[in-house]
Amino acid sequence: MFDPHHRVLDRIVCECGGKTTREAIVIFQNTSLPFRKAKKLVTGCDRVCCRKVLEKLFDMSFYGEFDLDEIERLLG
């Protein structure tokens, strides 16, 4: 799955919702909603500022394999 101690897991994935990468993964893993609605659970908004990283996390959650180094690069 993923290293639970990876430093990117504690980074804020979107300033709008204030959720960490770890929280976003848990939300995505526990919902059957499509991406657009699941994204709102994480961010609480309709902005596109964090869309790319959240799309990747959503897809990774669906397939159960996480490339946290890629997520870290997307977060900048």
N, C-alpha and C. Protein backbone atom coordinates (compact mmCIF):
# COMPACT_ATOMS: atom_id res chain seq x y z
N MET A 1 0.84 -1.18 0.00
CA MET A 1 0.00 0.00 0.00
C MET A 1 0.89 1.24 0.00
N PHE A 2 1.22 1.81 1.16
CA PHE A 2 2.12 2.95 1.21
C PHE A 2 2.79 3.01 2.57
N ASP A 3 3.91 3.68 2.61
CA ASP A 3 4.65 3.87 3.86
C ASP A 3 3.89 4.86 4.74
N PRO A 4 3.36 4.42 5.88
CA PRO A 4 2.55 5.32 6.71
C PRO A 4 3.35 6.45 7.35
N HIS A 5 4.66 6.43 7.21
CA HIS A 5 5.50 7.45 7.81
C HIS A 5 6.06 8.43 6.77
N HIS A 6 5.62 8.30 5.53
CA HIS A 6 6.10 9.18 4.46
C HIS A 6 5.72 10.62 4.80
N ARG A 7 6.66 11.55 4.64
CA ARG A 7 6.44 12.94 5.07
C ARG A 7 5.34 13.65 4.30
N VAL A 8 5.04 13.26 3.08
CA VAL A 8 4.01 13.93 2.30
C VAL A 8 2.61 13.69 2.87
N LEU A 9 2.44 12.65 3.64
CA LEU A 9 1.12 12.33 4.19
C LEU A 9 0.60 13.39 5.16
N ASP A 10 1.50 14.14 5.76
CA ASP A 10 1.11 15.17 6.72
C ASP A 10 1.05 16.57 6.11
N ARG A 11 1.31 16.67 4.82
CA ARG A 11 1.23 17.98 4.15
C ARG A 11 -0.22 18.29 3.79
N ILE A 12 -0.57 19.56 3.85
CA ILE A 12 -1.90 20.00 3.45
C ILE A 12 -2.02 19.83 1.93
N VAL A 13 -3.06 19.13 1.51
CA VAL A 13 -3.22 18.86 0.08
C VAL A 13 -3.97 20.00 -0.62
N CYS A 14 -4.78 20.74 0.12
CA CYS A 14 -5.49 21.88 -0.43
C CYS A 14 -5.78 22.86 0.69
N GLU A 15 -5.38 24.10 0.49
CA GLU A 15 -5.59 25.13 1.52
C GLU A 15 -7.08 25.38 1.79
N CYS A 16 -7.91 25.16 0.79
CA CYS A 16 -9.35 25.43 0.94
C CYS A 16 -9.96 24.60 2.06
N GLY A 17 -9.67 23.31 2.07
CA GLY A 17 -10.28 22.43 3.05
C GLY A 17 -9.40 22.16 4.25
N GLY A 18 -8.11 22.45 4.12
CA GLY A 18 -7.18 22.24 5.22
C GLY A 18 -6.91 20.78 5.54
N LYS A 19 -7.25 19.89 4.62
CA LYS A 19 -7.04 18.45 4.85
C LYS A 19 -5.63 18.05 4.42
N THR A 20 -5.08 17.06 5.12
CA THR A 20 -3.77 16.53 4.75
C THR A 20 -3.93 15.47 3.67
N THR A 21 -2.82 15.09 3.09
CA THR A 21 -2.83 14.02 2.09
C THR A 21 -3.39 12.75 2.71
N ARG A 22 -3.00 12.45 3.93
CA ARG A 22 -3.49 11.25 4.63
C ARG A 22 -5.02 11.29 4.76
N GLU A 23 -5.56 12.43 5.15
CA GLU A 23 -7.01 12.57 5.30
C GLU A 23 -7.72 12.43 3.95
N ALA A 24 -7.13 12.99 2.89
CA ALA A 24 -7.72 12.87 1.56
C ALA A 24 -7.77 11.42 1.11
N ILE A 25 -6.71 10.67 1.38
CA ILE A 25 -6.68 9.26 1.01
C ILE A 25 -7.79 8.50 1.73
N VAL A 26 -7.94 8.74 3.02
CA VAL A 26 -8.98 8.06 3.80
C VAL A 26 -10.37 8.39 3.26
N ILE A 27 -10.60 9.67 2.95
CA ILE A 27 -11.89 10.08 2.40
C ILE A 27 -12.15 9.38 1.07
N PHE A 28 -11.16 9.38 0.18
CA PHE A 28 -11.34 8.75 -1.12
C PHE A 28 -11.55 7.24 -1.00
N GLN A 29 -10.88 6.61 -0.07
CA GLN A 29 -11.02 5.16 0.10
C GLN A 29 -12.38 4.79 0.69
N ASN A 30 -13.01 5.71 1.38
CA ASN A 30 -14.27 5.40 2.05
C ASN A 30 -15.50 5.99 1.36
N THR A 31 -15.37 6.34 0.10
CA THR A 31 -16.52 6.87 -0.63
C THR A 31 -16.67 6.16 -1.96
N SER A 32 -17.90 6.09 -2.42
CA SER A 32 -18.17 5.54 -3.75
C SER A 32 -18.60 6.65 -4.70
N LEU A 33 -18.46 7.89 -4.25
CA LEU A 33 -18.83 9.04 -5.07
C LEU A 33 -17.87 9.21 -6.24
N PRO A 34 -18.34 9.82 -7.32
CA PRO A 34 -17.42 10.16 -8.42
C PRO A 34 -16.46 11.25 -7.96
N PHE A 35 -15.39 11.44 -8.74
CA PHE A 35 -14.33 12.35 -8.32
C PHE A 35 -14.84 13.74 -7.95
N ARG A 36 -15.66 14.33 -8.78
CA ARG A 36 -16.09 15.71 -8.55
C ARG A 36 -16.74 15.88 -7.17
N LYS A 37 -17.59 14.95 -6.78
CA LYS A 37 -18.25 15.04 -5.48
C LYS A 37 -17.32 14.65 -4.34
N ALA A 38 -16.47 13.67 -4.59
CA ALA A 38 -15.51 13.25 -3.56
C ALA A 38 -14.50 14.37 -3.29
N LYS A 39 -14.13 15.10 -4.34
CA LYS A 39 -13.20 16.23 -4.18
C LYS A 39 -13.79 17.27 -3.24
N LYS A 40 -15.10 17.50 -3.33
CA LYS A 40 -15.76 18.47 -2.46
C LYS A 40 -15.69 18.04 -0.99
N LEU A 41 -15.68 16.73 -0.75
CA LEU A 41 -15.54 16.24 0.63
C LEU A 41 -14.18 16.63 1.20
N VAL A 42 -13.18 16.68 0.35
CA VAL A 42 -11.83 17.02 0.78
C VAL A 42 -11.64 18.53 0.87
N THR A 43 -12.08 19.24 -0.16
CA THR A 43 -11.78 20.67 -0.25
C THR A 43 -12.88 21.58 0.28
N GLY A 44 -14.12 21.15 0.12
CA GLY A 44 -15.24 21.99 0.50
C GLY A 44 -15.49 23.13 -0.48
N CYS A 45 -14.88 23.05 -1.67
CA CYS A 45 -15.04 24.13 -2.65
C CYS A 45 -15.07 23.57 -4.07
N ASP A 46 -15.28 24.46 -5.02
CA ASP A 46 -15.30 24.09 -6.44
C ASP A 46 -14.07 24.57 -7.19
N ARG A 47 -13.10 25.13 -6.47
CA ARG A 47 -11.90 25.67 -7.12
C ARG A 47 -11.06 24.56 -7.74
N VAL A 48 -10.21 24.92 -8.67
CA VAL A 48 -9.37 23.94 -9.36
C VAL A 48 -7.92 24.00 -8.91
N CYS A 49 -7.63 24.73 -7.84
CA CYS A 49 -6.24 24.95 -7.41
C CYS A 49 -5.51 23.64 -7.09
N CYS A 50 -6.21 22.63 -6.62
CA CYS A 50 -5.56 21.39 -6.22
C CYS A 50 -6.09 20.19 -7.00
N ARG A 51 -6.73 20.45 -8.11
CA ARG A 51 -7.40 19.39 -8.87
C ARG A 51 -6.43 18.28 -9.31
N LYS A 52 -5.28 18.66 -9.81
CA LYS A 52 -4.35 17.67 -10.36
C LYS A 52 -3.90 16.66 -9.30
N VAL A 53 -3.50 17.15 -8.15
CA VAL A 53 -3.02 16.26 -7.10
C VAL A 53 -4.17 15.40 -6.54
N LEU A 54 -5.35 15.99 -6.43
CA LEU A 54 -6.49 15.22 -5.92
C LEU A 54 -6.96 14.17 -6.92
N GLU A 55 -6.88 14.47 -8.21
CA GLU A 55 -7.21 13.46 -9.22
C GLU A 55 -6.27 12.26 -9.11
N LYS A 56 -4.99 12.55 -8.93
CA LYS A 56 -4.01 11.47 -8.79
C LYS A 56 -4.30 10.63 -7.54
N LEU A 57 -4.55 11.30 -6.43
CA LEU A 57 -4.86 10.58 -5.19
C LEU A 57 -6.13 9.75 -5.34
N PHE A 58 -7.13 10.30 -5.99
CA PHE A 58 -8.39 9.59 -6.21
C PHE A 58 -8.13 8.32 -7.03
N ASP A 59 -7.39 8.45 -8.12
CA ASP A 59 -7.07 7.29 -8.96
C ASP A 59 -6.23 6.27 -8.19
N MET A 60 -5.25 6.74 -7.45
CA MET A 60 -4.41 5.84 -6.67
C MET A 60 -5.23 5.11 -5.61
N SER A 61 -6.18 5.79 -5.01
CA SER A 61 -7.05 5.17 -4.02
C SER A 61 -7.90 4.08 -4.67
N PHE A 62 -8.37 4.34 -5.87
CA PHE A 62 -9.19 3.37 -6.60
C PHE A 62 -8.40 2.10 -6.88
N TYR A 63 -7.14 2.26 -7.32
CA TYR A 63 -6.32 1.10 -7.67
C TYR A 63 -5.56 0.52 -6.48
N GLY A 64 -5.52 1.24 -5.36
CA GLY A 64 -4.88 0.71 -4.16
C GLY A 64 -3.37 0.78 -4.15
N GLU A 65 -2.79 1.50 -5.09
CA GLU A 65 -1.33 1.66 -5.13
C GLU A 65 -1.01 3.15 -5.11
N PHE A 66 -0.10 3.52 -4.21
CA PHE A 66 0.19 4.93 -4.01
C PHE A 66 1.64 5.24 -4.33
N ASP A 67 1.85 6.23 -5.17
CA ASP A 67 3.18 6.73 -5.49
C ASP A 67 3.29 8.09 -4.79
N LEU A 68 3.69 8.05 -3.53
CA LEU A 68 3.73 9.27 -2.74
C LEU A 68 4.82 10.24 -3.19
N ASP A 69 5.84 9.72 -3.84
CA ASP A 69 6.86 10.61 -4.40
C ASP A 69 6.26 11.46 -5.51
N GLU A 70 5.38 10.87 -6.32
CA GLU A 70 4.70 11.62 -7.37
C GLU A 70 3.77 12.68 -6.75
N ILE A 71 3.07 12.31 -5.70
CA ILE A 71 2.19 13.26 -5.02
C ILE A 71 3.01 14.41 -4.46
N GLU A 72 4.16 14.10 -3.91
CA GLU A 72 5.02 15.15 -3.36
C GLU A 72 5.48 16.12 -4.46
N ARG A 73 5.80 15.58 -5.63
CA ARG A 73 6.20 16.45 -6.75
C ARG A 73 5.03 17.35 -7.18
N LEU A 74 3.83 16.81 -7.20
CA LEU A 74 2.66 17.61 -7.60
C LEU A 74 2.33 18.70 -6.58
N LEU A 75 2.60 18.43 -5.32
CA LEU A 75 2.35 19.43 -4.28
C LEU A 75 3.39 20.53 -4.32
N GLY A 76 4.53 20.24 -4.92
CA GLY A 76 5.57 21.27 -5.08
C GLY A 76 6.46 21.46 -3.97
